[in-house]
Amino acid sequence: MSTWTPICHTNSLSTERGAAALVANDNGHHQVALFKLACGELYAVGHRDPFSGANVMARGIVGNRGDVPTITSPVYKQVFDLRTGEALDHPGVKLESWDSRDIDGVIHVRAIGA
């Protein structure tokens, strides 16, 4: 299983805004988009938009569909579930998903399934 990688201090993230980070692990380097929601939940997904190929997801619009926290791509406006990375309107398309947690005020991530 992959180890947890420290990324930044939790108070460095703006609520309801994304931040991009470069994560190095056993599988190489990955661009990750981090989000801290108003409720305090943390999410991390791949920064690369699978529809445009651009690394822009940290610039997306945070929202929700019902009780599903979402991020909307700033390019073509596809909506993704922040919990799983799944595109809500395009089954089978998804962002990379990362586990995230706060340890003593520092956000750590690890690849899901690693």
N, C-alpha and C. Protein backbone atom coordinates (compact mmCIF):
# COMPACT_ATOMS: atom_id res chain seq x y z
N MET A 1 0.84 -1.18 0.00
CA MET A 1 0.00 0.00 0.00
C MET A 1 0.88 1.24 0.00
N SER A 2 0.45 2.24 -0.71
CA SER A 2 1.18 3.50 -0.82
C SER A 2 1.18 4.23 0.53
N THR A 3 2.22 4.97 0.76
CA THR A 3 2.31 5.74 2.00
C THR A 3 1.61 7.08 1.83
N TRP A 4 1.26 7.67 2.93
CA TRP A 4 0.66 9.00 2.93
C TRP A 4 1.75 10.03 2.66
N THR A 5 1.44 11.01 1.81
CA THR A 5 2.39 12.06 1.45
C THR A 5 1.89 13.39 1.99
N PRO A 6 2.69 14.09 2.82
CA PRO A 6 2.27 15.41 3.29
C PRO A 6 2.31 16.42 2.13
N ILE A 7 1.30 17.28 2.07
CA ILE A 7 1.18 18.22 0.96
C ILE A 7 1.33 19.68 1.41
N CYS A 8 0.49 20.10 2.35
CA CYS A 8 0.51 21.50 2.80
C CYS A 8 -0.21 21.61 4.13
N HIS A 9 -0.08 22.76 4.75
CA HIS A 9 -0.83 23.03 5.97
C HIS A 9 -2.30 23.24 5.63
N THR A 10 -3.16 22.71 6.43
CA THR A 10 -4.60 22.81 6.19
C THR A 10 -5.04 24.26 6.06
N ASN A 11 -4.48 25.15 6.87
CA ASN A 11 -4.88 26.56 6.80
C ASN A 11 -4.34 27.27 5.56
N SER A 12 -3.54 26.58 4.75
CA SER A 12 -3.07 27.15 3.48
C SER A 12 -4.15 27.07 2.40
N LEU A 13 -5.13 26.20 2.59
CA LEU A 13 -6.20 26.04 1.61
C LEU A 13 -7.33 27.02 1.89
N SER A 14 -7.84 27.64 0.85
CA SER A 14 -9.02 28.48 0.97
C SER A 14 -10.26 27.59 0.90
N THR A 15 -11.23 27.87 1.72
CA THR A 15 -12.46 27.09 1.72
C THR A 15 -13.19 27.24 0.39
N GLU A 16 -13.65 26.10 -0.13
CA GLU A 16 -14.42 26.03 -1.38
C GLU A 16 -13.61 26.44 -2.62
N ARG A 17 -12.29 26.46 -2.51
CA ARG A 17 -11.41 26.75 -3.65
C ARG A 17 -10.39 25.63 -3.75
N GLY A 18 -9.96 25.34 -4.96
CA GLY A 18 -8.99 24.28 -5.17
C GLY A 18 -7.56 24.78 -5.11
N ALA A 19 -6.65 23.85 -4.89
CA ALA A 19 -5.22 24.13 -4.94
C ALA A 19 -4.56 22.92 -5.60
N ALA A 20 -3.61 23.17 -6.46
CA ALA A 20 -2.90 22.09 -7.15
C ALA A 20 -1.62 21.75 -6.41
N ALA A 21 -1.28 20.46 -6.43
CA ALA A 21 -0.05 20.00 -5.79
C ALA A 21 0.57 18.91 -6.67
N LEU A 22 1.88 18.83 -6.64
CA LEU A 22 2.60 17.77 -7.33
C LEU A 22 2.99 16.73 -6.29
N VAL A 23 2.55 15.49 -6.49
CA VAL A 23 2.79 14.42 -5.55
C VAL A 23 3.70 13.38 -6.20
N ALA A 24 4.78 13.06 -5.52
CA ALA A 24 5.68 12.00 -5.99
C ALA A 24 5.46 10.78 -5.11
N ASN A 25 5.21 9.64 -5.77
CA ASN A 25 5.09 8.39 -5.03
C ASN A 25 5.75 7.27 -5.82
N ASP A 26 5.51 6.04 -5.42
CA ASP A 26 6.15 4.89 -6.07
C ASP A 26 5.78 4.76 -7.54
N ASN A 27 4.65 5.35 -7.94
CA ASN A 27 4.18 5.26 -9.32
C ASN A 27 4.52 6.49 -10.16
N GLY A 28 5.39 7.36 -9.68
CA GLY A 28 5.78 8.54 -10.43
C GLY A 28 5.28 9.82 -9.82
N HIS A 29 5.14 10.84 -10.66
CA HIS A 29 4.67 12.15 -10.23
C HIS A 29 3.25 12.36 -10.71
N HIS A 30 2.41 12.94 -9.84
CA HIS A 30 1.00 13.13 -10.16
C HIS A 30 0.58 14.54 -9.76
N GLN A 31 -0.20 15.18 -10.60
CA GLN A 31 -0.79 16.47 -10.24
C GLN A 31 -2.13 16.19 -9.58
N VAL A 32 -2.30 16.75 -8.40
CA VAL A 32 -3.49 16.51 -7.59
C VAL A 32 -4.17 17.85 -7.29
N ALA A 33 -5.50 17.84 -7.34
CA ALA A 33 -6.28 19.02 -6.97
C ALA A 33 -6.86 18.78 -5.58
N LEU A 34 -6.58 19.68 -4.65
CA LEU A 34 -7.04 19.57 -3.26
C LEU A 34 -8.18 20.54 -3.01
N PHE A 35 -9.15 20.10 -2.21
CA PHE A 35 -10.30 20.94 -1.88
C PHE A 35 -10.65 20.79 -0.41
N LYS A 36 -10.92 21.93 0.24
CA LYS A 36 -11.43 21.95 1.62
C LYS A 36 -12.81 22.59 1.55
N LEU A 37 -13.85 21.82 1.90
CA LEU A 37 -15.21 22.33 1.83
C LEU A 37 -15.57 23.11 3.10
N ALA A 38 -16.64 23.87 3.03
CA ALA A 38 -17.08 24.67 4.17
C ALA A 38 -17.39 23.81 5.38
N CYS A 39 -17.84 22.57 5.15
CA CYS A 39 -18.15 21.66 6.25
C CYS A 39 -16.88 21.07 6.88
N GLY A 40 -15.71 21.36 6.28
CA GLY A 40 -14.45 20.88 6.82
C GLY A 40 -13.92 19.62 6.13
N GLU A 41 -14.72 19.01 5.27
CA GLU A 41 -14.26 17.81 4.58
C GLU A 41 -13.16 18.15 3.58
N LEU A 42 -12.20 17.23 3.44
CA LEU A 42 -11.09 17.37 2.50
C LEU A 42 -11.25 16.37 1.38
N TYR A 43 -10.94 16.80 0.15
CA TYR A 43 -10.99 15.91 -1.00
C TYR A 43 -9.77 16.15 -1.88
N ALA A 44 -9.33 15.09 -2.53
CA ALA A 44 -8.21 15.18 -3.47
C ALA A 44 -8.56 14.32 -4.69
N VAL A 45 -8.46 14.94 -5.87
CA VAL A 45 -8.70 14.25 -7.14
C VAL A 45 -7.59 14.63 -8.11
N GLY A 46 -7.51 13.91 -9.21
CA GLY A 46 -6.53 14.24 -10.22
C GLY A 46 -6.78 15.63 -10.79
N HIS A 47 -5.72 16.34 -11.05
CA HIS A 47 -5.79 17.71 -11.57
C HIS A 47 -6.11 17.74 -13.07
N ARG A 48 -5.88 16.61 -13.77
CA ARG A 48 -6.07 16.54 -15.22
C ARG A 48 -7.53 16.27 -15.57
N ASP A 49 -8.12 17.16 -16.34
CA ASP A 49 -9.49 17.01 -16.85
C ASP A 49 -9.46 15.95 -17.95
N PRO A 50 -10.18 14.82 -17.79
CA PRO A 50 -10.12 13.78 -18.81
C PRO A 50 -10.77 14.16 -20.14
N PHE A 51 -11.57 15.19 -20.17
CA PHE A 51 -12.24 15.62 -21.40
C PHE A 51 -11.36 16.55 -22.24
N SER A 52 -10.67 17.47 -21.59
CA SER A 52 -9.84 18.43 -22.33
C SER A 52 -8.36 18.04 -22.34
N GLY A 53 -7.95 17.23 -21.37
CA GLY A 53 -6.54 16.87 -21.22
C GLY A 53 -5.73 17.94 -20.51
N ALA A 54 -6.37 19.02 -20.11
CA ALA A 54 -5.67 20.11 -19.43
C ALA A 54 -5.65 19.89 -17.91
N ASN A 55 -4.59 20.33 -17.28
CA ASN A 55 -4.47 20.25 -15.82
C ASN A 55 -5.11 21.50 -15.21
N VAL A 56 -6.43 21.40 -14.98
CA VAL A 56 -7.20 22.58 -14.57
C VAL A 56 -8.20 22.33 -13.44
N MET A 57 -8.30 21.12 -12.94
CA MET A 57 -9.39 20.82 -12.01
C MET A 57 -9.33 21.64 -10.71
N ALA A 58 -8.16 22.04 -10.28
CA ALA A 58 -8.08 22.87 -9.08
C ALA A 58 -8.74 24.23 -9.29
N ARG A 59 -8.94 24.63 -10.54
CA ARG A 59 -9.61 25.90 -10.85
C ARG A 59 -11.11 25.73 -11.05
N GLY A 60 -11.59 24.50 -10.84
CA GLY A 60 -13.01 24.20 -11.06
C GLY A 60 -13.91 24.84 -10.02
N ILE A 61 -15.20 24.70 -10.26
CA ILE A 61 -16.22 25.28 -9.38
C ILE A 61 -16.71 24.20 -8.42
N VAL A 62 -16.57 24.45 -7.14
CA VAL A 62 -17.02 23.53 -6.10
C VAL A 62 -18.52 23.73 -5.91
N GLY A 63 -19.24 22.62 -5.79
CA GLY A 63 -20.69 22.69 -5.58
C GLY A 63 -21.20 21.36 -5.07
N ASN A 64 -22.47 21.08 -5.39
CA ASN A 64 -23.03 19.78 -5.04
C ASN A 64 -24.24 19.50 -5.91
N ARG A 65 -24.55 18.23 -6.02
CA ARG A 65 -25.79 17.74 -6.63
C ARG A 65 -26.44 16.90 -5.56
N GLY A 66 -27.49 17.44 -4.98
CA GLY A 66 -28.10 16.77 -3.84
C GLY A 66 -27.09 16.72 -2.72
N ASP A 67 -26.79 15.51 -2.24
CA ASP A 67 -25.81 15.36 -1.16
C ASP A 67 -24.42 14.97 -1.67
N VAL A 68 -24.20 15.07 -2.99
CA VAL A 68 -22.92 14.71 -3.59
C VAL A 68 -22.05 15.95 -3.77
N PRO A 69 -20.90 16.03 -3.07
CA PRO A 69 -19.99 17.17 -3.29
C PRO A 69 -19.36 17.04 -4.68
N THR A 70 -19.31 18.16 -5.41
CA THR A 70 -18.85 18.10 -6.80
C THR A 70 -17.80 19.16 -7.11
N ILE A 71 -17.11 18.88 -8.22
CA ILE A 71 -16.21 19.86 -8.84
C ILE A 71 -16.58 19.90 -10.31
N THR A 72 -16.77 21.11 -10.84
CA THR A 72 -17.11 21.29 -12.25
C THR A 72 -15.88 21.78 -12.98
N SER A 73 -15.53 21.10 -14.06
CA SER A 73 -14.36 21.49 -14.84
C SER A 73 -14.54 22.90 -15.39
N PRO A 74 -13.49 23.72 -15.33
CA PRO A 74 -13.59 25.07 -15.88
C PRO A 74 -13.51 25.09 -17.42
N VAL A 75 -13.22 23.96 -18.05
CA VAL A 75 -13.08 23.94 -19.51
C VAL A 75 -14.41 23.65 -20.18
N TYR A 76 -14.88 22.39 -20.09
CA TYR A 76 -16.12 21.99 -20.77
C TYR A 76 -17.29 21.83 -19.82
N LYS A 77 -17.09 22.12 -18.56
CA LYS A 77 -18.14 22.14 -17.53
C LYS A 77 -18.69 20.78 -17.13
N GLN A 78 -17.93 19.69 -17.34
CA GLN A 78 -18.37 18.41 -16.82
C GLN A 78 -18.29 18.43 -15.31
N VAL A 79 -19.20 17.69 -14.68
CA VAL A 79 -19.30 17.68 -13.22
C VAL A 79 -18.82 16.33 -12.69
N PHE A 80 -17.96 16.37 -11.67
CA PHE A 80 -17.37 15.17 -11.09
C PHE A 80 -17.69 15.08 -9.61
N ASP A 81 -17.91 13.87 -9.13
CA ASP A 81 -18.11 13.59 -7.71
C ASP A 81 -16.75 13.71 -7.02
N LEU A 82 -16.63 14.60 -6.06
CA LEU A 82 -15.35 14.77 -5.35
C LEU A 82 -14.96 13.55 -4.52
N ARG A 83 -15.94 12.74 -4.14
CA ARG A 83 -15.63 11.57 -3.31
C ARG A 83 -15.00 10.45 -4.12
N THR A 84 -15.41 10.30 -5.39
CA THR A 84 -14.97 9.16 -6.20
C THR A 84 -14.24 9.55 -7.47
N GLY A 85 -14.39 10.81 -7.90
CA GLY A 85 -13.80 11.25 -9.16
C GLY A 85 -14.68 10.96 -10.37
N GLU A 86 -15.80 10.27 -10.20
CA GLU A 86 -16.67 9.88 -11.31
C GLU A 86 -17.36 11.09 -11.94
N ALA A 87 -17.40 11.09 -13.29
CA ALA A 87 -18.16 12.12 -14.02
C ALA A 87 -19.63 11.78 -13.87
N LEU A 88 -20.43 12.71 -13.38
CA LEU A 88 -21.83 12.42 -13.08
C LEU A 88 -22.68 12.22 -14.33
N ASP A 89 -22.31 12.84 -15.43
CA ASP A 89 -23.11 12.73 -16.65
C ASP A 89 -22.47 11.85 -17.71
N HIS A 90 -21.35 11.23 -17.41
CA HIS A 90 -20.62 10.40 -18.38
C HIS A 90 -20.09 9.15 -17.67
N PRO A 91 -20.95 8.13 -17.50
CA PRO A 91 -20.51 6.91 -16.81
C PRO A 91 -19.23 6.33 -17.42
N GLY A 92 -18.34 5.90 -16.54
CA GLY A 92 -17.09 5.30 -16.98
C GLY A 92 -15.93 6.27 -17.11
N VAL A 93 -16.21 7.57 -17.06
CA VAL A 93 -15.15 8.58 -17.12
C VAL A 93 -14.94 9.09 -15.70
N LYS A 94 -13.67 9.17 -15.30
CA LYS A 94 -13.43 9.67 -13.95
C LYS A 94 -12.06 10.31 -13.82
N LEU A 95 -11.94 11.10 -12.78
CA LEU A 95 -10.67 11.68 -12.35
C LEU A 95 -9.97 10.66 -11.46
N GLU A 96 -8.65 10.75 -11.35
CA GLU A 96 -7.96 9.96 -10.35
C GLU A 96 -8.54 10.33 -8.99
N SER A 97 -8.60 9.38 -8.09
CA SER A 97 -9.09 9.64 -6.74
C SER A 97 -7.97 9.43 -5.74
N TRP A 98 -7.94 10.25 -4.74
CA TRP A 98 -6.92 10.20 -3.70
C TRP A 98 -7.59 10.24 -2.34
N ASP A 99 -7.11 9.42 -1.40
CA ASP A 99 -7.52 9.56 -0.01
C ASP A 99 -6.85 10.83 0.52
N SER A 100 -7.53 11.51 1.41
CA SER A 100 -6.93 12.70 2.02
C SER A 100 -7.30 12.74 3.50
N ARG A 101 -6.40 13.29 4.28
CA ARG A 101 -6.66 13.42 5.71
C ARG A 101 -5.81 14.55 6.28
N ASP A 102 -6.27 15.06 7.40
CA ASP A 102 -5.57 16.12 8.12
C ASP A 102 -4.90 15.49 9.34
N ILE A 103 -3.59 15.62 9.41
CA ILE A 103 -2.85 15.12 10.56
C ILE A 103 -2.13 16.31 11.19
N ASP A 104 -2.63 16.72 12.34
CA ASP A 104 -2.03 17.84 13.08
C ASP A 104 -1.88 19.09 12.22
N GLY A 105 -2.91 19.39 11.43
CA GLY A 105 -2.89 20.62 10.63
C GLY A 105 -2.17 20.52 9.31
N VAL A 106 -1.78 19.31 8.91
CA VAL A 106 -1.11 19.10 7.62
C VAL A 106 -1.94 18.12 6.80
N ILE A 107 -2.23 18.48 5.55
CA ILE A 107 -2.97 17.60 4.66
C ILE A 107 -2.03 16.57 4.07
N HIS A 108 -2.45 15.30 4.13
CA HIS A 108 -1.71 14.19 3.55
C HIS A 108 -2.62 13.51 2.53
N VAL A 109 -2.05 12.98 1.45
CA VAL A 109 -2.82 12.25 0.45
C VAL A 109 -2.12 10.93 0.12
N ARG A 110 -2.91 9.99 -0.41
CA ARG A 110 -2.35 8.76 -0.97
C ARG A 110 -3.31 8.29 -2.06
N ALA A 111 -2.74 7.67 -3.07
CA ALA A 111 -3.54 7.18 -4.18
C ALA A 111 -4.48 6.09 -3.70
N ILE A 112 -5.74 6.15 -4.12
CA ILE A 112 -6.71 5.12 -3.76
C ILE A 112 -6.36 3.86 -4.53
N GLY A 113 -6.40 2.74 -3.84
CA GLY A 113 -6.11 1.47 -4.48
C GLY A 113 -4.63 1.15 -4.54
N ALA A 114 -3.83 2.06 -4.03
CA ALA A 114 -2.37 1.83 -4.07
C ALA A 114 -1.94 0.99 -2.89
